[in-house]
Amino acid sequence: MATKSDFQPIFDRLKPILQQFESKLIVVHDTNDHYYLDTPVILKNKRRCSFGAVEIGKNYVSFHLMPIYACPDLLKELSPELRKRMQGKACFNFSSVDEKLFKELDKITKKGFVQFKPERFA
């Protein structure tokens, strides 16, 4: 059975995909196993709108990306391999390093950052 330390290389590779936007977003969590970014937009529920997160879980590392949920056109660009990693509407799970998919996720995250307009939900 995998341990959190087994997943650390995956987390360490996924975190920079989100980290490149931290100067324009708000860092909510930044630990060895959880990195979370919010947008500056306050929603109707008085909370900030999430942009993305990466977190080590029990069986895999989860990469959450709200622009995928809010910008359905981004889904059309996903390869079948990356789509297989999706759980729910905005989460990708990884149990091993996959440079090809991480590169694709980086590209989608960059496009999502440009397209995502959280003020529409405020």
PDB file of N, CA and C in Angstrom:
ATOM      1  N   MET A   1       0.836  -1.195   0.000  1.00  0.00           N
ATOM      2  CA  MET A   1       0.000   0.000   0.000  1.00  0.00           C
ATOM      3  C   MET A   1       0.875   1.250   0.000  1.00  0.00           C
ATOM      4  N   ALA A   2       0.508   2.205  -0.818  1.00  0.00           N
ATOM      5  CA  ALA A   2       1.298   3.433  -0.955  1.00  0.00           C
ATOM      6  C   ALA A   2       1.167   4.312   0.293  1.00  0.00           C
ATOM      7  N   THR A   3       2.227   5.057   0.558  1.00  0.00           N
ATOM      8  CA  THR A   3       2.212   6.012   1.670  1.00  0.00           C
ATOM      9  C   THR A   3       2.309   7.418   1.103  1.00  0.00           C
ATOM     10  N   LYS A   4       2.089   8.411   1.962  1.00  0.00           N
ATOM     11  CA  LYS A   4       2.174   9.796   1.516  1.00  0.00           C
ATOM     12  C   LYS A   4       3.535  10.101   0.908  1.00  0.00           C
ATOM     13  N   SER A   5       4.593   9.522   1.464  1.00  0.00           N
ATOM     14  CA  SER A   5       5.931   9.797   0.928  1.00  0.00           C
ATOM     15  C   SER A   5       6.093   9.233  -0.485  1.00  0.00           C
ATOM     16  N   ASP A   6       5.356   8.153  -0.805  1.00  0.00           N
ATOM     17  CA  ASP A   6       5.391   7.611  -2.166  1.00  0.00           C
ATOM     18  C   ASP A   6       4.818   8.602  -3.174  1.00  0.00           C
ATOM     19  N   PHE A   7       3.882   9.410  -2.718  1.00  0.00           N
ATOM     20  CA  PHE A   7       3.205  10.360  -3.600  1.00  0.00           C
ATOM     21  C   PHE A   7       3.890  11.729  -3.660  1.00  0.00           C
ATOM     22  N   GLN A   8       4.892  11.949  -2.820  1.00  0.00           N
ATOM     23  CA  GLN A   8       5.550  13.259  -2.773  1.00  0.00           C
ATOM     24  C   GLN A   8       6.120  13.693  -4.129  1.00  0.00           C
ATOM     25  N   PRO A   9       6.779  12.809  -4.898  1.00  0.00           N
ATOM     26  CA  PRO A   9       7.296  13.241  -6.210  1.00  0.00           C
ATOM     27  C   PRO A   9       6.187  13.718  -7.162  1.00  0.00           C
ATOM     28  N   ILE A  10       5.008  13.127  -7.065  1.00  0.00           N
ATOM     29  CA  ILE A  10       3.877  13.546  -7.904  1.00  0.00           C
ATOM     30  C   ILE A  10       3.433  14.943  -7.478  1.00  0.00           C
ATOM     31  N   PHE A  11       3.246  15.113  -6.165  1.00  0.00           N
ATOM     32  CA  PHE A  11       2.859  16.422  -5.628  1.00  0.00           C
ATOM     33  C   PHE A  11       3.878  17.493  -6.021  1.00  0.00           C
ATOM     34  N   ASP A  12       5.158  17.161  -5.852  1.00  0.00           N
ATOM     35  CA  ASP A  12       6.234  18.118  -6.147  1.00  0.00           C
ATOM     36  C   ASP A  12       6.273  18.502  -7.625  1.00  0.00           C
ATOM     37  N   ARG A  13       5.804  17.644  -8.473  1.00  0.00           N
ATOM     38  CA  ARG A  13       5.765  17.940  -9.912  1.00  0.00           C
ATOM     39  C   ARG A  13       4.503  18.723 -10.294  1.00  0.00           C
ATOM     40  N   LEU A  14       3.375  18.466  -9.614  1.00  0.00           N
ATOM     41  CA  LEU A  14       2.115  19.149  -9.934  1.00  0.00           C
ATOM     42  C   LEU A  14       2.013  20.551  -9.305  1.00  0.00           C
ATOM     43  N   LYS A  15       2.586  20.725  -8.138  1.00  0.00           N
ATOM     44  CA  LYS A  15       2.480  22.006  -7.433  1.00  0.00           C
ATOM     45  C   LYS A  15       2.942  23.193  -8.283  1.00  0.00           C
ATOM     46  N   PRO A  16       4.084  23.112  -8.987  1.00  0.00           N
ATOM     47  CA  PRO A  16       4.525  24.270  -9.789  1.00  0.00           C
ATOM     48  C   PRO A  16       3.556  24.659 -10.913  1.00  0.00           C
ATOM     49  N   ILE A  17       2.723  23.719 -11.347  1.00  0.00           N
ATOM     50  CA  ILE A  17       1.742  24.049 -12.389  1.00  0.00           C
ATOM     51  C   ILE A  17       0.794  25.121 -11.870  1.00  0.00           C
ATOM     52  N   LEU A  18       0.431  25.034 -10.600  1.00  0.00           N
ATOM     53  CA  LEU A  18      -0.420  26.062  -9.995  1.00  0.00           C
ATOM     54  C   LEU A  18       0.408  27.232  -9.469  1.00  0.00           C
ATOM     55  N   GLN A  19       1.561  26.922  -8.948  1.00  0.00           N
ATOM     56  CA  GLN A  19       2.401  27.931  -8.296  1.00  0.00           C
ATOM     57  C   GLN A  19       2.766  29.096  -9.228  1.00  0.00           C
ATOM     58  N   GLN A  20       2.819  28.843 -10.516  1.00  0.00           N
ATOM     59  CA  GLN A  20       3.181  29.899 -11.461  1.00  0.00           C
ATOM     60  C   GLN A  20       2.170  31.049 -11.455  1.00  0.00           C
ATOM     61  N   PHE A  21       0.987  30.841 -10.853  1.00  0.00           N
ATOM     62  CA  PHE A  21      -0.050  31.875 -10.820  1.00  0.00           C
ATOM     63  C   PHE A  21      -0.212  32.516  -9.446  1.00  0.00           C
ATOM     64  N   GLU A  22       0.605  32.135  -8.479  1.00  0.00           N
ATOM     65  CA  GLU A  22       0.373  32.608  -7.119  1.00  0.00           C
ATOM     66  C   GLU A  22       0.540  34.119  -6.955  1.00  0.00           C
ATOM     67  N   SER A  23       1.276  34.770  -7.823  1.00  0.00           N
ATOM     68  CA  SER A  23       1.420  36.226  -7.702  1.00  0.00           C
ATOM     69  C   SER A  23       0.127  36.954  -8.087  1.00  0.00           C
ATOM     70  N   LYS A  24      -0.751  36.274  -8.829  1.00  0.00           N
ATOM     71  CA  LYS A  24      -2.006  36.894  -9.257  1.00  0.00           C
ATOM     72  C   LYS A  24      -3.209  36.337  -8.503  1.00  0.00           C
ATOM     73  N   LEU A  25      -2.969  35.332  -7.653  1.00  0.00           N
ATOM     74  CA  LEU A  25      -4.044  34.688  -6.900  1.00  0.00           C
ATOM     75  C   LEU A  25      -3.702  34.724  -5.414  1.00  0.00           C
ATOM     76  N   ILE A  26      -4.498  34.056  -4.613  1.00  0.00           N
ATOM     77  CA  ILE A  26      -4.303  34.072  -3.165  1.00  0.00           C
ATOM     78  C   ILE A  26      -3.969  32.654  -2.696  1.00  0.00           C
ATOM     79  N   VAL A  27      -2.820  32.517  -2.048  1.00  0.00           N
ATOM     80  CA  VAL A  27      -2.407  31.221  -1.514  1.00  0.00           C
ATOM     81  C   VAL A  27      -3.172  30.979  -0.214  1.00  0.00           C
ATOM     82  N   VAL A  28      -3.949  29.910  -0.180  1.00  0.00           N
ATOM     83  CA  VAL A  28      -4.734  29.554   0.996  1.00  0.00           C
ATOM     84  C   VAL A  28      -3.990  28.520   1.839  1.00  0.00           C
ATOM     85  N   HIS A  29      -3.420  27.515   1.181  1.00  0.00           N
ATOM     86  CA  HIS A  29      -2.626  26.480   1.852  1.00  0.00           C
ATOM     87  C   HIS A  29      -1.330  26.284   1.070  1.00  0.00           C
ATOM     88  N   ASP A  30      -0.238  26.145   1.801  1.00  0.00           N
ATOM     89  CA  ASP A  30       1.050  25.831   1.180  1.00  0.00           C
ATOM     90  C   ASP A  30       1.854  24.979   2.150  1.00  0.00           C
ATOM     91  N   THR A  31       1.576  23.680   2.109  1.00  0.00           N
ATOM     92  CA  THR A  31       2.281  22.729   2.965  1.00  0.00           C
ATOM     93  C   THR A  31       2.931  21.664   2.080  1.00  0.00           C
ATOM     94  N   ASN A  32       3.560  20.685   2.697  1.00  0.00           N
ATOM     95  CA  ASN A  32       4.225  19.624   1.945  1.00  0.00           C
ATOM     96  C   ASN A  32       3.255  18.697   1.228  1.00  0.00           C
ATOM     97  N   ASP A  33       1.972  18.753   1.596  1.00  0.00           N
ATOM     98  CA  ASP A  33       1.009  17.851   0.971  1.00  0.00           C
ATOM     99  C   ASP A  33      -0.278  18.524   0.511  1.00  0.00           C
ATOM    100  N   HIS A  34      -0.339  19.851   0.593  1.00  0.00           N
ATOM    101  CA  HIS A  34      -1.556  20.570   0.194  1.00  0.00           C
ATOM    102  C   HIS A  34      -1.199  21.992  -0.254  1.00  0.00           C
ATOM    103  N   TYR A  35      -1.538  22.289  -1.490  1.00  0.00           N
ATOM    104  CA  TYR A  35      -1.313  23.632  -2.042  1.00  0.00           C
ATOM    105  C   TYR A  35      -2.629  24.070  -2.668  1.00  0.00           C
ATOM    106  N   TYR A  36      -3.113  25.268  -2.291  1.00  0.00           N
ATOM    107  CA  TYR A  36      -4.455  25.692  -2.665  1.00  0.00           C
ATOM    108  C   TYR A  36      -4.444  27.175  -3.012  1.00  0.00           C
ATOM    109  N   LEU A  37      -5.033  27.509  -4.158  1.00  0.00           N
ATOM    110  CA  LEU A  37      -5.126  28.905  -4.608  1.00  0.00           C
ATOM    111  C   LEU A  37      -6.579  29.328  -4.782  1.00  0.00           C
ATOM    112  N   ASP A  38      -6.897  30.512  -4.283  1.00  0.00           N
ATOM    113  CA  ASP A  38      -8.191  31.147  -4.517  1.00  0.00           C
ATOM    114  C   ASP A  38      -8.006  32.326  -5.450  1.00  0.00           C
ATOM    115  N   THR A  39      -9.102  32.717  -6.087  1.00  0.00           N
ATOM    116  CA  THR A  39      -9.102  33.965  -6.846  1.00  0.00           C
ATOM    117  C   THR A  39      -9.448  35.094  -5.875  1.00  0.00           C
ATOM    118  N   PRO A  40      -9.252  36.338  -6.258  1.00  0.00           N
ATOM    119  CA  PRO A  40      -9.641  37.444  -5.380  1.00  0.00           C
ATOM    120  C   PRO A  40     -11.162  37.685  -5.347  1.00  0.00           C
ATOM    121  N   VAL A  41     -11.908  37.019  -6.202  1.00  0.00           N
ATOM    122  CA  VAL A  41     -13.348  37.256  -6.325  1.00  0.00           C
ATOM    123  C   VAL A  41     -14.103  36.632  -5.149  1.00  0.00           C
ATOM    124  N   ILE A  42     -14.947  37.449  -4.506  1.00  0.00           N
ATOM    125  CA  ILE A  42     -15.799  36.987  -3.415  1.00  0.00           C
ATOM    126  C   ILE A  42     -17.149  36.567  -4.007  1.00  0.00           C
ATOM    127  N   LEU A  43     -17.574  35.359  -3.700  1.00  0.00           N
ATOM    128  CA  LEU A  43     -18.829  34.834  -4.214  1.00  0.00           C
ATOM    129  C   LEU A  43     -20.005  35.240  -3.322  1.00  0.00           C
ATOM    130  N   LYS A  44     -21.201  34.879  -3.754  1.00  0.00           N
ATOM    131  CA  LYS A  44     -22.405  35.217  -2.992  1.00  0.00           C
ATOM    132  C   LYS A  44     -22.386  34.629  -1.586  1.00  0.00           C
ATOM    133  N   ASN A  45     -21.708  33.506  -1.416  1.00  0.00           N
ATOM    134  CA  ASN A  45     -21.624  32.869  -0.099  1.00  0.00           C
ATOM    135  C   ASN A  45     -20.554  33.508   0.794  1.00  0.00           C
ATOM    136  N   LYS A  46     -20.006  34.634   0.348  1.00  0.00           N
ATOM    137  CA  LYS A  46     -18.998  35.414   1.096  1.00  0.00           C
ATOM    138  C   LYS A  46     -17.635  34.725   1.164  1.00  0.00           C
ATOM    139  N   ARG A  47     -17.421  33.720   0.320  1.00  0.00           N
ATOM    140  CA  ARG A  47     -16.123  33.050   0.254  1.00  0.00           C
ATOM    141  C   ARG A  47     -15.470  33.364  -1.081  1.00  0.00           C
ATOM    142  N   ARG A  48     -14.163  33.246  -1.096  1.00  0.00           N
ATOM    143  CA  ARG A  48     -13.441  33.454  -2.353  1.00  0.00           C
ATOM    144  C   ARG A  48     -13.679  32.278  -3.290  1.00  0.00           C
ATOM    145  N   CYS A  49     -13.615  32.571  -4.580  1.00  0.00           N
ATOM    146  CA  CYS A  49     -13.758  31.535  -5.604  1.00  0.00           C
ATOM    147  C   CYS A  49     -12.425  30.798  -5.742  1.00  0.00           C
ATOM    148  N   SER A  50     -12.489  29.497  -5.704  1.00  0.00           N
ATOM    149  CA  SER A  50     -11.299  28.664  -5.833  1.00  0.00           C
ATOM    150  C   SER A  50     -10.784  28.686  -7.269  1.00  0.00           C
ATOM    151  N   PHE A  51      -9.468  28.629  -7.416  1.00  0.00           N
ATOM    152  CA  PHE A  51      -8.867  28.451  -8.735  1.00  0.00           C
ATOM    153  C   PHE A  51      -8.375  27.020  -8.907  1.00  0.00           C
ATOM    154  N   GLY A  52      -7.614  26.542  -7.932  1.00  0.00           N
ATOM    155  CA  GLY A  52      -7.083  25.196  -8.048  1.00  0.00           C
ATOM    156  C   GLY A  52      -6.350  24.755  -6.800  1.00  0.00           C
ATOM    157  N   ALA A  53      -6.072  23.456  -6.745  1.00  0.00           N
ATOM    158  CA  ALA A  53      -5.359  22.897  -5.603  1.00  0.00           C
ATOM    159  C   ALA A  53      -4.703  21.589  -6.016  1.00  0.00           C
ATOM    160  N   VAL A  54      -3.692  21.224  -5.275  1.00  0.00           N
ATOM    161  CA  VAL A  54      -3.077  19.900  -5.415  1.00  0.00           C
ATOM    162  C   VAL A  54      -2.890  19.370  -3.999  1.00  0.00           C
ATOM    163  N   GLU A  55      -3.262  18.093  -3.812  1.00  0.00           N
ATOM    164  CA  GLU A  55      -3.257  17.534  -2.459  1.00  0.00           C
ATOM    165  C   GLU A  55      -2.949  16.042  -2.494  1.00  0.00           C
ATOM    166  N   ILE A  56      -2.096  15.640  -1.566  1.00  0.00           N
ATOM    167  CA  ILE A  56      -1.802  14.218  -1.421  1.00  0.00           C
ATOM    168  C   ILE A  56      -2.929  13.578  -0.617  1.00  0.00           C
ATOM    169  N   GLY A  57      -3.539  12.572  -1.197  1.00  0.00           N
ATOM    170  CA  GLY A  57      -4.588  11.822  -0.514  1.00  0.00           C
ATOM    171  C   GLY A  57      -4.094  10.445  -0.116  1.00  0.00           C
ATOM    172  N   LYS A  58      -5.025   9.606   0.268  1.00  0.00           N
ATOM    173  CA  LYS A  58      -4.689   8.258   0.737  1.00  0.00           C
ATOM    174  C   LYS A  58      -4.200   7.353  -0.402  1.00  0.00           C
ATOM    175  N   ASN A  59      -4.833   7.466  -1.580  1.00  0.00           N
ATOM    176  CA  ASN A  59      -4.529   6.560  -2.687  1.00  0.00           C
ATOM    177  C   ASN A  59      -3.974   7.234  -3.935  1.00  0.00           C
ATOM    178  N   TYR A  60      -3.907   8.563  -3.941  1.00  0.00           N
ATOM    179  CA  TYR A  60      -3.428   9.288  -5.106  1.00  0.00           C
ATOM    180  C   TYR A  60      -3.239  10.760  -4.767  1.00  0.00           C
ATOM    181  N   VAL A  61      -2.699  11.495  -5.719  1.00  0.00           N
ATOM    182  CA  VAL A  61      -2.574  12.945  -5.606  1.00  0.00           C
ATOM    183  C   VAL A  61      -3.659  13.550  -6.483  1.00  0.00           C
ATOM    184  N   SER A  62      -4.428  14.453  -5.901  1.00  0.00           N
ATOM    185  CA  SER A  62      -5.517  15.102  -6.630  1.00  0.00           C
ATOM    186  C   SER A  62      -5.096  16.491  -7.071  1.00  0.00           C
ATOM    187  N   PHE A  63      -5.429  16.801  -8.314  1.00  0.00           N
ATOM    188  CA  PHE A  63      -5.190  18.128  -8.889  1.00  0.00           C
ATOM    189  C   PHE A  63      -6.556  18.693  -9.244  1.00  0.00           C
ATOM    190  N   HIS A  64      -6.972  19.736  -8.523  1.00  0.00           N
ATOM    191  CA  HIS A  64      -8.272  20.369  -8.740  1.00  0.00           C
ATOM    192  C   HIS A  64      -8.072  21.626  -9.586  1.00  0.00           C
ATOM    193  N   LEU A  65      -8.923  21.802 -10.589  1.00  0.00           N
ATOM    194  CA  LEU A  65      -8.800  22.953 -11.481  1.00  0.00           C
ATOM    195  C   LEU A  65     -10.190  23.485 -11.826  1.00  0.00           C
ATOM    196  N   MET A  66     -10.615  24.535 -11.125  1.00  0.00           N
ATOM    197  CA  MET A  66     -11.957  25.089 -11.328  1.00  0.00           C
ATOM    198  C   MET A  66     -12.219  25.589 -12.749  1.00  0.00           C
ATOM    199  N   PRO A  67     -11.237  26.141 -13.463  1.00  0.00           N
ATOM    200  CA  PRO A  67     -11.526  26.567 -14.832  1.00  0.00           C
ATOM    201  C   PRO A  67     -12.057  25.448 -15.727  1.00  0.00           C
ATOM    202  N   ILE A  68     -11.685  24.206 -15.457  1.00  0.00           N
ATOM    203  CA  ILE A  68     -12.211  23.076 -16.242  1.00  0.00           C
ATOM    204  C   ILE A  68     -13.726  22.991 -16.068  1.00  0.00           C
ATOM    205  N   TYR A  69     -14.195  23.242 -14.863  1.00  0.00           N
ATOM    206  CA  TYR A  69     -15.629  23.201 -14.561  1.00  0.00           C
ATOM    207  C   TYR A  69     -16.342  24.412 -15.156  1.00  0.00           C
ATOM    208  N   ALA A  70     -15.728  25.565 -15.039  1.00  0.00           N
ATOM    209  CA  ALA A  70     -16.379  26.816 -15.444  1.00  0.00           C
ATOM    210  C   ALA A  70     -16.251  27.127 -16.935  1.00  0.00           C
ATOM    211  N   CYS A  71     -15.287  26.529 -17.595  1.00  0.00           N
ATOM    212  CA  CYS A  71     -15.042  26.778 -19.017  1.00  0.00           C
ATOM    213  C   CYS A  71     -15.105  25.440 -19.760  1.00  0.00           C
ATOM    214  N   PRO A  72     -16.307  24.987 -20.101  1.00  0.00           N
ATOM    215  CA  PRO A  72     -16.463  23.661 -20.702  1.00  0.00           C
ATOM    216  C   PRO A  72     -15.674  23.445 -21.992  1.00  0.00           C
ATOM    217  N   ASP A  73     -15.343  24.515 -22.700  1.00  0.00           N
ATOM    218  CA  ASP A  73     -14.547  24.369 -23.923  1.00  0.00           C
ATOM    219  C   ASP A  73     -13.192  23.736 -23.647  1.00  0.00           C
ATOM    220  N   LEU A  74     -12.670  23.930 -22.430  1.00  0.00           N
ATOM    221  CA  LEU A  74     -11.384  23.334 -22.080  1.00  0.00           C
ATOM    222  C   LEU A  74     -11.462  21.809 -22.085  1.00  0.00           C
ATOM    223  N   LEU A  75     -12.622  21.275 -21.748  1.00  0.00           N
ATOM    224  CA  LEU A  75     -12.794  19.815 -21.736  1.00  0.00           C
ATOM    225  C   LEU A  75     -12.582  19.210 -23.115  1.00  0.00           C
ATOM    226  N   LYS A  76     -12.955  19.948 -24.138  1.00  0.00           N
ATOM    227  CA  LYS A  76     -12.820  19.456 -25.513  1.00  0.00           C
ATOM    228  C   LYS A  76     -11.361  19.245 -25.899  1.00  0.00           C
ATOM    229  N   GLU A  77     -10.467  19.938 -25.215  1.00  0.00           N
ATOM    230  CA  GLU A  77      -9.042  19.860 -25.538  1.00  0.00           C
ATOM    231  C   GLU A  77      -8.315  18.723 -24.817  1.00  0.00           C
ATOM    232  N   LEU A  78      -8.979  18.081 -23.872  1.00  0.00           N
ATOM    233  CA  LEU A  78      -8.320  17.034 -23.094  1.00  0.00           C
ATOM    234  C   LEU A  78      -8.100  15.778 -23.924  1.00  0.00           C
ATOM    235  N   SER A  79      -6.929  15.215 -23.786  1.00  0.00           N
ATOM    236  CA  SER A  79      -6.652  13.934 -24.441  1.00  0.00           C
ATOM    237  C   SER A  79      -7.455  12.849 -23.727  1.00  0.00           C
ATOM    238  N   PRO A  80      -7.715  11.733 -24.400  1.00  0.00           N
ATOM    239  CA  PRO A  80      -8.407  10.625 -23.732  1.00  0.00           C
ATOM    240  C   PRO A  80      -7.648  10.133 -22.492  1.00  0.00           C
ATOM    241  N   GLU A  81      -6.316  10.176 -22.543  1.00  0.00           N
ATOM    242  CA  GLU A  81      -5.506   9.735 -21.406  1.00  0.00           C
ATOM    243  C   GLU A  81      -5.720  10.626 -20.182  1.00  0.00           C
ATOM    244  N   LEU A  82      -5.744  11.951 -20.397  1.00  0.00           N
ATOM    245  CA  LEU A  82      -5.954  12.861 -19.274  1.00  0.00           C
ATOM    246  C   LEU A  82      -7.401  12.778 -18.791  1.00  0.00           C
ATOM    247  N   ARG A  83      -8.319  12.620 -19.702  1.00  0.00           N
ATOM    248  CA  ARG A  83      -9.732  12.507 -19.334  1.00  0.00           C
ATOM    249  C   ARG A  83      -9.967  11.284 -18.428  1.00  0.00           C
ATOM    250  N   LYS A  84      -9.199  10.222 -18.660  1.00  0.00           N
ATOM    251  CA  LYS A  84      -9.315   9.018 -17.818  1.00  0.00           C
ATOM    252  C   LYS A  84      -8.944   9.312 -16.366  1.00  0.00           C
ATOM    253  N   ARG A  85      -8.124  10.337 -16.163  1.00  0.00           N
ATOM    254  CA  ARG A  85      -7.692  10.706 -14.807  1.00  0.00           C
ATOM    255  C   ARG A  85      -8.708  11.579 -14.089  1.00  0.00           C
ATOM    256  N   MET A  86      -9.738  12.025 -14.805  1.00  0.00           N
ATOM    257  CA  MET A  86     -10.734  12.915 -14.211  1.00  0.00           C
ATOM    258  C   MET A  86     -11.651  12.161 -13.269  1.00  0.00           C
ATOM    259  N   GLN A  87     -11.936  12.818 -12.152  1.00  0.00           N
ATOM    260  CA  GLN A  87     -12.944  12.335 -11.226  1.00  0.00           C
ATOM    261  C   GLN A  87     -13.808  13.545 -10.905  1.00  0.00           C
ATOM    262  N   GLY A  88     -15.077  13.447 -11.164  1.00  0.00           N
ATOM    263  CA  GLY A  88     -15.940  14.600 -10.974  1.00  0.00           C
ATOM    264  C   GLY A  88     -15.758  15.572 -12.114  1.00  0.00           C
ATOM    265  N   LYS A  89     -16.053  16.834 -11.837  1.00  0.00           N
ATOM    266  CA  LYS A  89     -16.052  17.845 -12.901  1.00  0.00           C
ATOM    267  C   LYS A  89     -14.780  18.680 -12.969  1.00  0.00           C
ATOM    268  N   ALA A  90     -13.940  18.618 -11.933  1.00  0.00           N
ATOM    269  CA  ALA A  90     -12.777  19.506 -11.926  1.00  0.00           C
ATOM    270  C   ALA A  90     -11.561  18.897 -11.233  1.00  0.00           C
ATOM    271  N   CYS A  91     -11.478  17.579 -11.184  1.00  0.00           N
ATOM    272  CA  CYS A  91     -10.406  16.932 -10.442  1.00  0.00           C
ATOM    273  C   CYS A  91      -9.727  15.855 -11.293  1.00  0.00           C
ATOM    274  N   PHE A  92      -8.412  15.795 -11.182  1.00  0.00           N
ATOM    275  CA  PHE A  92      -7.606  14.774 -11.849  1.00  0.00           C
ATOM    276  C   PHE A  92      -6.812  14.052 -10.776  1.00  0.00           C
ATOM    277  N   ASN A  93      -6.792  12.722 -10.826  1.00  0.00           N
ATOM    278  CA  ASN A  93      -6.075  11.933  -9.830  1.00  0.00           C
ATOM    279  C   ASN A  93      -4.894  11.203 -10.469  1.00  0.00           C
ATOM    280  N   PHE A  94      -3.764  11.213  -9.742  1.00  0.00           N
ATOM    281  CA  PHE A  94      -2.543  10.579 -10.228  1.00  0.00           C
ATOM    282  C   PHE A  94      -1.928   9.722  -9.123  1.00  0.00           C
ATOM    283  N   SER A  95      -1.496   8.526  -9.492  1.00  0.00           N
ATOM    284  CA  SER A  95      -0.799   7.666  -8.540  1.00  0.00           C
ATOM    285  C   SER A  95       0.658   7.445  -8.960  1.00  0.00           C
ATOM    286  N   SER A  96       1.043   8.075 -10.075  1.00  0.00           N
ATOM    287  CA  SER A  96       2.441   8.022 -10.515  1.00  0.00           C
ATOM    288  C   SER A  96       2.739   9.269 -11.346  1.00  0.00           C
ATOM    289  N   VAL A  97       4.011   9.575 -11.489  1.00  0.00           N
ATOM    290  CA  VAL A  97       4.430  10.709 -12.308  1.00  0.00           C
ATOM    291  C   VAL A  97       4.190  10.347 -13.771  1.00  0.00           C
ATOM    292  N   ASP A  98       3.574  11.255 -14.498  1.00  0.00           N
ATOM    293  CA  ASP A  98       3.322  11.060 -15.923  1.00  0.00           C
ATOM    294  C   ASP A  98       3.622  12.385 -16.626  1.00  0.00           C
ATOM    295  N   GLU A  99       4.850  12.537 -17.069  1.00  0.00           N
ATOM    296  CA  GLU A  99       5.294  13.818 -17.623  1.00  0.00           C
ATOM    297  C   GLU A  99       4.435  14.293 -18.797  1.00  0.00           C
ATOM    298  N   LYS A 100       4.020  13.375 -19.637  1.00  0.00           N
ATOM    299  CA  LYS A 100       3.194  13.749 -20.788  1.00  0.00           C
ATOM    300  C   LYS A 100       1.876  14.377 -20.323  1.00  0.00           C
ATOM    301  N   LEU A 101       1.232  13.742 -19.370  1.00  0.00           N
ATOM    302  CA  LEU A 101      -0.042  14.270 -18.868  1.00  0.00           C
ATOM    303  C   LEU A 101       0.161  15.534 -18.042  1.00  0.00           C
ATOM    304  N   PHE A 102       1.268  15.617 -17.313  1.00  0.00           N
ATOM    305  CA  PHE A 102       1.545  16.820 -16.532  1.00  0.00           C
ATOM    306  C   PHE A 102       1.781  18.016 -17.455  1.00  0.00           C
ATOM    307  N   LYS A 103       2.432  17.782 -18.567  1.00  0.00           N
ATOM    308  CA  LYS A 103       2.663  18.843 -19.551  1.00  0.00           C
ATOM    309  C   LYS A 103       1.321  19.319 -20.129  1.00  0.00           C
ATOM    310  N   GLU A 104       0.454  18.363 -20.422  1.00  0.00           N
ATOM    311  CA  GLU A 104      -0.876  18.706 -20.935  1.00  0.00           C
ATOM    312  C   GLU A 104      -1.680  19.465 -19.874  1.00  0.00           C
ATOM    313  N   LEU A 105      -1.589  19.039 -18.633  1.00  0.00           N
ATOM    314  CA  LEU A 105      -2.293  19.713 -17.546  1.00  0.00           C
ATOM    315  C   LEU A 105      -1.777  21.137 -17.366  1.00  0.00           C
ATOM    316  N   ASP A 106      -0.491  21.337 -17.524  1.00  0.00           N
ATOM    317  CA  ASP A 106       0.095  22.680 -17.449  1.00  0.00           C
ATOM    318  C   ASP A 106      -0.480  23.569 -18.551  1.00  0.00           C
ATOM    319  N   LYS A 107      -0.571  23.048 -19.746  1.00  0.00           N
ATOM    320  CA  LYS A 107      -1.117  23.804 -20.876  1.00  0.00           C
ATOM    321  C   LYS A 107      -2.587  24.182 -20.627  1.00  0.00           C
ATOM    322  N   ILE A 108      -3.375  23.224 -20.156  1.00  0.00           N
ATOM    323  CA  ILE A 108      -4.794  23.466 -19.871  1.00  0.00           C
ATOM    324  C   ILE A 108      -4.946  24.467 -18.724  1.00  0.00           C
ATOM    325  N   THR A 109      -4.088  24.380 -17.720  1.00  0.00           N
ATOM    326  CA  THR A 109      -4.144  25.305 -16.585  1.00  0.00           C
ATOM    327  C   THR A 109      -3.850  26.730 -17.050  1.00  0.00           C
ATOM    328  N   LYS A 110      -2.869  26.893 -17.915  1.00  0.00           N
ATOM    329  CA  LYS A 110      -2.554  28.227 -18.448  1.00  0.00           C
ATOM    330  C   LYS A 110      -3.727  28.786 -19.242  1.00  0.00           C
ATOM    331  N   LYS A 111      -4.329  27.969 -20.092  1.00  0.00           N
ATOM    332  CA  LYS A 111      -5.499  28.419 -20.852  1.00  0.00           C
ATOM    333  C   LYS A 111      -6.650  28.741 -19.914  1.00  0.00           C
ATOM    334  N   GLY A 112      -6.824  27.905 -18.907  1.00  0.00           N
ATOM    335  CA  GLY A 112      -7.885  28.124 -17.935  1.00  0.00           C
ATOM    336  C   GLY A 112      -7.705  29.412 -17.166  1.00  0.00           C
ATOM    337  N   PHE A 113      -6.467  29.736 -16.828  1.00  0.00           N
ATOM    338  CA  PHE A 113      -6.215  30.982 -16.104  1.00  0.00           C
ATOM    339  C   PHE A 113      -6.665  32.181 -16.934  1.00  0.00           C
ATOM    340  N   VAL A 114      -6.421  32.142 -18.227  1.00  0.00           N
ATOM    341  CA  VAL A 114      -6.805  33.242 -19.119  1.00  0.00           C
ATOM    342  C   VAL A 114      -8.326  33.308 -19.304  1.00  0.00           C
ATOM    343  N   GLN A 115      -8.960  32.152 -19.448  1.00  0.00           N
ATOM    344  CA  GLN A 115     -10.392  32.110 -19.752  1.00  0.00           C
ATOM    345  C   GLN A 115     -11.305  32.225 -18.531  1.00  0.00           C
ATOM    346  N   PHE A 116     -10.837  31.810 -17.387  1.00  0.00           N
ATOM    347  CA  PHE A 116     -11.667  31.738 -16.185  1.00  0.00           C
ATOM    348  C   PHE A 116     -12.069  33.132 -15.710  1.00  0.00           C
ATOM    349  N   LYS A 117     -13.375  33.359 -15.597  1.00  0.00           N
ATOM    350  CA  LYS A 117     -13.911  34.641 -15.137  1.00  0.00           C
ATOM    351  C   LYS A 117     -14.809  34.380 -13.916  1.00  0.00           C
ATOM    352  N   PRO A 118     -14.199  34.230 -12.737  1.00  0.00           N
ATOM    353  CA  PRO A 118     -14.993  33.860 -11.559  1.00  0.00           C
ATOM    354  C   PRO A 118     -16.020  34.907 -11.164  1.00  0.00           C
ATOM    355  N   GLU A 119     -15.864  36.138 -11.614  1.00  0.00           N
ATOM    356  CA  GLU A 119     -16.839  37.175 -11.258  1.00  0.00           C
ATOM    357  C   GLU A 119     -18.233  36.845 -11.797  1.00  0.00           C
ATOM    358  N   ARG A 120     -18.307  35.957 -12.777  1.00  0.00           N
ATOM    359  CA  ARG A 120     -19.622  35.530 -13.299  1.00  0.00           C
ATOM    360  C   ARG A 120     -20.412  34.782 -12.232  1.00  0.00           C
ATOM    361  N   PHE A 121     -19.722  34.219 -11.248  1.00  0.00           N
ATOM    362  CA  PHE A 121     -20.388  33.436 -10.205  1.00  0.00           C
ATOM    363  C   PHE A 121     -20.645  34.249  -8.953  1.00  0.00           C
ATOM    364  N   ALA A 122     -20.140  35.469  -8.918  1.00  0.00           N
ATOM    365  CA  ALA A 122     -20.260  36.311  -7.716  1.00  0.00           C
ATOM    366  C   ALA A 122     -21.669  36.859  -7.541  1.00  0.00           C
TER     367      ALA A 122
END
